[in-house]
């Protein structure tokens, strides 16, 4: 059974931003307490291009979700 994701989007964005600078192990060391073993292994398997793509996609999705939440709050006021 796969482990549940242990980090939120903001934390994962931070980890990926740090990993995108080329030092995945430093990012894992800094945020290791917040990452599951599965997440650490997945980060280690990503190529630099995959890290950058994943980071951009996650940032875009997070922005879109935040806009949707703002619209939902505004509609309910």
N, C-alpha and C. Protein backbone atom coordinates (compact mmCIF):
# COMPACT_ATOMS: atom_id res chain seq x y z
N UNK A 1 0.84 -1.18 0.00
CA UNK A 1 0.00 0.00 0.00
C UNK A 1 0.88 1.24 0.00
N UNK A 2 0.55 2.18 -0.85
CA UNK A 2 1.35 3.40 -0.99
C UNK A 2 1.10 4.34 0.18
N UNK A 3 2.17 5.01 0.62
CA UNK A 3 2.03 5.96 1.73
C UNK A 3 1.23 7.17 1.29
N UNK A 4 0.48 7.73 2.20
CA UNK A 4 -0.24 8.96 1.91
C UNK A 4 0.75 10.09 1.81
N UNK A 5 0.41 11.08 1.00
CA UNK A 5 1.28 12.24 0.84
C UNK A 5 1.36 12.99 2.16
N UNK A 6 2.56 13.26 2.61
CA UNK A 6 2.73 13.84 3.94
C UNK A 6 2.97 15.35 3.91
N UNK A 7 3.15 15.93 2.75
CA UNK A 7 3.42 17.36 2.69
C UNK A 7 2.32 18.07 1.92
N UNK A 8 2.13 19.34 2.23
CA UNK A 8 1.16 20.12 1.49
C UNK A 8 1.83 20.73 0.26
N UNK A 9 1.04 21.37 -0.57
CA UNK A 9 1.55 21.93 -1.82
C UNK A 9 2.64 22.98 -1.58
N UNK A 10 2.44 23.84 -0.61
CA UNK A 10 3.43 24.89 -0.34
C UNK A 10 4.78 24.29 0.06
N UNK A 11 4.75 23.27 0.89
CA UNK A 11 5.99 22.62 1.33
C UNK A 11 6.65 21.93 0.14
N UNK A 12 5.86 21.24 -0.66
CA UNK A 12 6.42 20.55 -1.81
C UNK A 12 7.03 21.55 -2.80
N UNK A 13 6.39 22.70 -2.97
CA UNK A 13 6.95 23.74 -3.84
C UNK A 13 8.31 24.17 -3.30
N UNK A 14 8.42 24.37 -1.99
CA UNK A 14 9.71 24.75 -1.38
C UNK A 14 10.78 23.69 -1.65
N UNK A 15 10.42 22.44 -1.43
CA UNK A 15 11.37 21.35 -1.63
C UNK A 15 11.82 21.31 -3.09
N UNK A 16 10.87 21.41 -4.00
CA UNK A 16 11.21 21.36 -5.43
C UNK A 16 12.02 22.56 -5.86
N UNK A 17 11.73 23.74 -5.31
CA UNK A 17 12.52 24.93 -5.63
C UNK A 17 13.98 24.71 -5.23
N UNK A 18 14.18 24.18 -4.05
CA UNK A 18 15.54 23.92 -3.59
C UNK A 18 16.20 22.81 -4.41
N UNK A 19 15.44 21.77 -4.72
CA UNK A 19 15.98 20.67 -5.52
C UNK A 19 16.29 21.12 -6.94
N UNK A 20 15.54 22.10 -7.45
CA UNK A 20 15.76 22.56 -8.82
C UNK A 20 17.08 23.30 -8.98
N UNK A 21 17.69 23.68 -7.86
CA UNK A 21 19.01 24.31 -7.91
C UNK A 21 20.12 23.29 -8.08
N UNK A 22 19.74 22.02 -8.17
CA UNK A 22 20.71 20.98 -8.46
C UNK A 22 21.12 20.11 -7.31
N UNK A 23 20.66 20.40 -6.10
CA UNK A 23 21.07 19.58 -4.96
C UNK A 23 19.85 18.98 -4.27
N UNK A 24 19.41 17.86 -4.81
CA UNK A 24 18.24 17.16 -4.28
C UNK A 24 18.50 16.70 -2.85
N UNK A 25 19.70 16.20 -2.60
CA UNK A 25 20.01 15.69 -1.27
C UNK A 25 19.97 16.80 -0.22
N UNK A 26 20.39 18.01 -0.57
CA UNK A 26 20.32 19.13 0.38
C UNK A 26 18.87 19.48 0.68
N UNK A 27 18.02 19.45 -0.35
CA UNK A 27 16.60 19.73 -0.15
C UNK A 27 15.96 18.66 0.74
N UNK A 28 16.34 17.41 0.52
CA UNK A 28 15.81 16.31 1.33
C UNK A 28 16.32 16.44 2.77
N UNK A 29 17.59 16.79 2.93
CA UNK A 29 18.14 16.94 4.27
C UNK A 29 17.44 18.06 5.03
N UNK A 30 17.14 19.15 4.34
CA UNK A 30 16.50 20.30 4.98
C UNK A 30 15.06 20.00 5.37
N UNK A 31 14.35 19.27 4.51
CA UNK A 31 12.92 19.03 4.71
C UNK A 31 12.60 17.57 5.02
N UNK A 32 13.61 16.78 5.30
CA UNK A 32 13.44 15.34 5.47
C UNK A 32 12.42 14.94 6.50
N UNK A 33 12.32 15.71 7.57
CA UNK A 33 11.37 15.36 8.63
C UNK A 33 9.93 15.46 8.14
N UNK A 34 9.69 16.28 7.12
CA UNK A 34 8.34 16.47 6.59
C UNK A 34 8.02 15.53 5.43
N UNK A 35 9.02 14.82 4.95
CA UNK A 35 8.84 13.96 3.78
C UNK A 35 8.79 12.49 4.18
N UNK A 36 7.91 11.75 3.53
CA UNK A 36 7.86 10.31 3.75
C UNK A 36 9.03 9.66 3.00
N UNK A 37 9.32 8.42 3.32
CA UNK A 37 10.37 7.68 2.61
C UNK A 37 10.04 7.58 1.13
N UNK A 38 8.77 7.40 0.81
CA UNK A 38 8.35 7.30 -0.58
C UNK A 38 8.62 8.62 -1.32
N UNK A 39 8.28 9.74 -0.68
CA UNK A 39 8.51 11.04 -1.30
C UNK A 39 10.00 11.30 -1.52
N UNK A 40 10.81 10.93 -0.54
CA UNK A 40 12.26 11.08 -0.69
C UNK A 40 12.78 10.27 -1.87
N UNK A 41 12.32 9.03 -1.98
CA UNK A 41 12.74 8.16 -3.08
C UNK A 41 12.29 8.72 -4.42
N UNK A 42 11.08 9.24 -4.46
CA UNK A 42 10.57 9.82 -5.70
C UNK A 42 11.39 11.03 -6.12
N UNK A 43 11.75 11.88 -5.17
CA UNK A 43 12.58 13.05 -5.48
C UNK A 43 13.93 12.63 -6.04
N UNK A 44 14.50 11.61 -5.46
CA UNK A 44 15.82 11.14 -5.91
C UNK A 44 15.78 10.58 -7.34
N UNK A 45 14.64 10.07 -7.75
CA UNK A 45 14.51 9.48 -9.09
C UNK A 45 14.27 10.53 -10.18
N UNK A 46 13.85 11.73 -9.80
CA UNK A 46 13.54 12.74 -10.81
C UNK A 46 14.80 13.32 -11.43
N UNK A 47 14.73 13.55 -12.74
CA UNK A 47 15.82 14.25 -13.42
C UNK A 47 15.65 15.75 -13.16
N UNK A 48 16.70 16.54 -13.37
CA UNK A 48 16.56 18.00 -13.20
C UNK A 48 15.42 18.59 -14.03
N UNK A 49 15.25 18.11 -15.26
CA UNK A 49 14.16 18.61 -16.11
C UNK A 49 12.80 18.24 -15.52
N UNK A 50 12.67 17.04 -14.99
CA UNK A 50 11.42 16.62 -14.36
C UNK A 50 11.12 17.44 -13.12
N UNK A 51 12.15 17.77 -12.35
CA UNK A 51 11.96 18.60 -11.16
C UNK A 51 11.42 19.96 -11.57
N UNK A 52 12.02 20.57 -12.57
CA UNK A 52 11.59 21.91 -13.02
C UNK A 52 10.16 21.86 -13.57
N UNK A 53 9.84 20.83 -14.34
CA UNK A 53 8.49 20.70 -14.90
C UNK A 53 7.47 20.47 -13.80
N UNK A 54 7.80 19.59 -12.87
CA UNK A 54 6.89 19.31 -11.75
C UNK A 54 6.69 20.56 -10.91
N UNK A 55 7.75 21.30 -10.67
CA UNK A 55 7.66 22.54 -9.89
C UNK A 55 6.74 23.53 -10.59
N UNK A 56 6.93 23.74 -11.89
CA UNK A 56 6.09 24.69 -12.63
C UNK A 56 4.63 24.25 -12.62
N UNK A 57 4.39 22.97 -12.86
CA UNK A 57 3.01 22.46 -12.86
C UNK A 57 2.35 22.62 -11.49
N UNK A 58 3.09 22.34 -10.44
CA UNK A 58 2.55 22.47 -9.09
C UNK A 58 2.28 23.93 -8.75
N UNK A 59 3.19 24.82 -9.14
CA UNK A 59 2.97 26.25 -8.90
C UNK A 59 1.73 26.74 -9.64
N UNK A 60 1.58 26.34 -10.90
CA UNK A 60 0.41 26.74 -11.69
C UNK A 60 -0.88 26.19 -11.09
N UNK A 61 -0.86 24.93 -10.68
CA UNK A 61 -2.05 24.33 -10.07
C UNK A 61 -2.39 25.00 -8.75
N UNK A 62 -1.38 25.33 -7.97
CA UNK A 62 -1.60 25.98 -6.69
C UNK A 62 -2.20 27.38 -6.89
N UNK A 63 -1.71 28.11 -7.89
CA UNK A 63 -2.26 29.44 -8.19
C UNK A 63 -3.72 29.33 -8.62
N UNK A 64 -4.01 28.35 -9.48
CA UNK A 64 -5.39 28.17 -9.95
C UNK A 64 -6.31 27.80 -8.80
N UNK A 65 -5.85 26.92 -7.93
CA UNK A 65 -6.66 26.53 -6.78
C UNK A 65 -6.91 27.71 -5.86
N UNK A 66 -5.89 28.51 -5.62
CA UNK A 66 -6.05 29.70 -4.77
C UNK A 66 -7.06 30.67 -5.38
N UNK A 67 -7.03 30.85 -6.70
CA UNK A 67 -8.00 31.73 -7.36
C UNK A 67 -9.41 31.18 -7.20
N UNK A 68 -9.55 29.86 -7.34
CA UNK A 68 -10.87 29.24 -7.18
C UNK A 68 -11.39 29.43 -5.76
N UNK A 69 -10.51 29.27 -4.79
CA UNK A 69 -10.92 29.45 -3.40
C UNK A 69 -11.34 30.89 -3.12
N UNK A 70 -10.61 31.84 -3.69
CA UNK A 70 -10.95 33.26 -3.52
C UNK A 70 -12.31 33.54 -4.15
N UNK A 71 -12.53 33.02 -5.35
CA UNK A 71 -13.82 33.21 -6.01
C UNK A 71 -14.95 32.59 -5.21
N UNK A 72 -14.72 31.41 -4.66
CA UNK A 72 -15.73 30.73 -3.86
C UNK A 72 -16.07 31.53 -2.61
N UNK A 73 -15.05 32.06 -1.96
CA UNK A 73 -15.28 32.88 -0.77
C UNK A 73 -16.05 34.13 -1.14
N UNK A 74 -15.65 34.78 -2.23
CA UNK A 74 -16.33 36.00 -2.67
C UNK A 74 -17.79 35.74 -3.04
N UNK A 75 -18.06 34.60 -3.64
CA UNK A 75 -19.43 34.25 -4.02
C UNK A 75 -20.31 33.94 -2.81
N UNK A 76 -19.68 33.54 -1.73
CA UNK A 76 -20.44 33.19 -0.53
C UNK A 76 -20.58 34.34 0.45
N UNK A 77 -20.03 35.49 0.11
CA UNK A 77 -20.16 36.65 1.01
C UNK A 77 -21.48 37.35 0.84
